[in-house]
Protein backbone atom coordinates (compact mmCIF):
# COMPACT_ATOMS: atom_id res chain seq x y z
CA MET A 1 238.93 -169.28 -81.98
CA ASN A 2 242.62 -168.61 -80.49
CA THR A 3 242.86 -165.64 -78.33
CA GLU A 4 245.91 -166.64 -76.76
CA PRO A 5 248.32 -164.55 -78.88
CA PHE A 6 246.41 -161.18 -77.80
CA ILE A 7 246.57 -161.84 -73.88
CA GLY A 8 249.19 -159.67 -72.38
CA LEU A 9 249.81 -157.13 -75.16
CA PRO A 10 250.69 -153.96 -73.70
CA TYR A 11 248.44 -151.04 -73.93
CA GLN A 12 249.68 -148.49 -76.41
CA ASP A 13 247.82 -145.24 -77.51
CA MET A 14 247.15 -145.89 -81.32
CA GLY A 15 249.07 -149.09 -81.23
CA ARG A 16 248.22 -151.50 -84.04
CA ASP A 17 250.69 -154.20 -83.72
CA TYR A 18 251.88 -156.94 -81.16
CA SER A 19 254.36 -154.53 -79.69
CA GLY A 20 251.33 -152.55 -78.06
CA VAL A 21 247.55 -151.87 -78.81
CA ASP A 22 244.69 -149.58 -77.66
CA CYS A 23 241.23 -151.18 -77.77
CA TRP A 24 240.72 -150.49 -81.35
CA GLY A 25 244.31 -151.72 -82.28
CA LEU A 26 243.35 -155.08 -80.64
CA VAL A 27 239.91 -155.25 -82.65
CA PHE A 28 241.98 -154.35 -85.78
CA LEU A 29 244.72 -157.37 -85.07
CA PHE A 30 242.13 -159.88 -84.03
CA TYR A 31 240.14 -159.43 -87.29
CA ARG A 32 242.96 -159.34 -89.38
CA ASP A 33 244.83 -162.35 -87.87
CA VAL A 34 242.08 -164.50 -86.79
CA LEU A 35 239.23 -163.68 -88.87
CA GLY A 36 241.24 -162.76 -92.15
CA ILE A 37 239.21 -159.59 -92.41
CA ASP A 38 240.81 -156.12 -93.14
CA ILE A 39 239.02 -153.36 -91.17
CA PRO A 40 240.01 -149.79 -91.00
CA SER A 41 242.70 -148.91 -88.46
CA TYR A 42 240.90 -145.49 -87.61
CA ALA A 43 244.19 -144.17 -86.23
CA GLU A 44 244.76 -141.81 -89.26
CA GLY A 45 244.75 -138.11 -87.97
CA CYS A 46 244.79 -138.97 -84.24
CA THR A 47 247.52 -137.59 -82.06
CA GLU A 48 249.02 -138.63 -79.04
CA PRO A 49 248.22 -138.64 -76.38
CA PHE A 50 245.07 -140.18 -77.44
CA GLU A 51 242.36 -137.97 -75.98
CA ARG A 52 239.02 -139.13 -74.90
CA ALA A 53 237.30 -137.28 -77.90
CA GLN A 54 239.75 -139.15 -80.50
CA ARG A 55 238.77 -142.51 -78.72
CA ALA A 56 235.07 -141.54 -79.00
CA SER A 57 235.65 -140.67 -82.73
CA VAL A 58 236.86 -144.23 -83.33
CA VAL A 59 233.98 -145.69 -81.76
CA THR A 60 231.61 -143.56 -83.55
CA ASN A 61 233.16 -144.47 -86.84
CA CYS A 62 232.83 -148.19 -85.66
CA ILE A 63 229.26 -147.85 -85.15
CA THR A 64 229.00 -146.08 -88.85
CA ASP A 65 231.05 -148.90 -90.59
CA TRP A 66 229.51 -151.75 -88.55
CA SER A 67 225.87 -153.41 -88.24
CA ARG A 68 224.43 -154.07 -84.81
CA ARG A 69 223.02 -157.33 -83.74
CA GLY A 70 219.84 -157.78 -81.87
CA PRO A 71 219.85 -158.55 -78.03
CA GLY A 72 220.54 -162.32 -77.97
CA ASP A 73 221.92 -162.43 -81.54
CA GLU A 74 225.71 -161.82 -80.77
CA LYS A 75 228.30 -164.06 -82.04
CA VAL A 76 231.79 -164.71 -81.10
CA GLY A 77 233.96 -162.41 -83.00
CA ASP A 78 231.68 -159.43 -82.72
CA ALA A 79 233.27 -156.16 -81.71
CA VAL A 80 231.56 -154.98 -78.35
CA LEU A 81 231.21 -151.42 -78.10
CA MET A 82 231.24 -150.22 -74.34
CA ARG A 83 230.88 -146.82 -72.54
CA MET A 84 233.45 -145.33 -70.35
CA MET A 85 232.29 -142.48 -67.92
CA GLY A 86 228.94 -142.34 -69.96
CA HIS A 87 230.74 -142.12 -73.22
CA LEU A 88 230.92 -144.85 -76.09
CA CYS A 89 234.68 -144.96 -76.03
CA HIS A 90 235.68 -148.75 -75.63
CA VAL A 91 235.58 -151.69 -77.66
CA GLY A 92 236.64 -155.38 -77.22
CA VAL A 93 235.78 -158.54 -79.08
CA LEU A 94 233.48 -161.12 -77.85
CA ALA A 95 235.29 -164.41 -77.20
CA PRO A 96 233.91 -167.63 -76.39
CA ASN A 97 232.27 -168.69 -73.12
CA GLY A 98 231.10 -165.39 -72.49
CA LEU A 99 234.32 -163.43 -72.43
CA ILE A 100 235.46 -160.12 -73.77
CA LEU A 101 238.96 -159.75 -75.24
CA HIS A 102 239.97 -156.10 -74.63
CA SER A 103 242.82 -153.67 -73.75
CA GLU A 104 242.43 -150.58 -71.43
CA GLU A 105 244.87 -147.89 -70.61
CA GLY A 106 246.93 -148.79 -67.71
CA ARG A 107 246.71 -152.80 -67.97
CA ASN A 108 247.54 -155.22 -70.65
CA THR A 109 245.08 -157.05 -72.82
CA ILE A 110 242.93 -159.38 -71.04
CA LEU A 111 240.03 -161.95 -71.34
CA GLU A 112 237.29 -160.77 -68.91
CA GLU A 113 233.88 -162.08 -68.18
CA ARG A 114 231.35 -160.05 -70.06
CA SER A 115 229.10 -160.30 -66.75
CA SER A 116 232.04 -158.86 -64.54
CA ALA A 117 231.15 -155.91 -62.52
CA ASN A 118 233.76 -153.85 -64.65
CA LEU A 119 232.13 -154.77 -68.13
CA ALA A 120 228.32 -155.58 -67.52
CA HIS A 121 226.90 -152.36 -67.13
CA ARG A 122 229.16 -150.57 -69.86
CA ILE A 123 228.27 -152.74 -72.71
CA GLU A 124 226.26 -150.50 -75.41
CA GLY A 125 226.07 -153.38 -78.06
CA PHE A 126 227.55 -156.03 -80.27
CA TYR A 127 228.45 -155.50 -84.03
CA TRP A 128 229.90 -157.08 -86.97
CA TYR A 129 231.81 -155.52 -89.83
CA ASP A 130 229.54 -154.50 -92.74
CA PRO A 131 230.99 -151.59 -94.67
CA GLY A 132 228.55 -149.88 -96.90
CA HIS A 133 225.37 -151.13 -95.15
C-alpha cells in the first residue's frame, strides 16, 4: 500500500485533490486512488472557512456511512476517527507498521505513529466503508 504520493500534500479546507486536502479530502483521495473505492466527498454544503462544526458534521457522516471494527480487528486502509478538543472532528487512514496518514490544519500531510503523544489519546475508532449497513 503506497502512501508516498500523499506525504507532504498541503492542508486546504475542503481540499479534495492533490493541490491540497483537508483530513477527509485525504481519505477521499486515498480510497479512490489506492483502494479503487469511490466514497462521498462530504464537502457539499460546506463553506469557507471550514468551521469546527462542519468538520464534526463530516465525521458524523463518516460514522453513519461506515462500520466500526472491534478493538484489535482494525486493518490497513481503515479510516481512523479522532477527537480534537473533545469533539470527533478528525480522520486519517491506517497505514502499515502502526502509522496513520493524516492532514491537519497548519501542517502538510504526514505519516505519524498511532502510538505518538499527538494521536494515541485521540483515536475514537477504526471504520471501513459500508454504505447501507
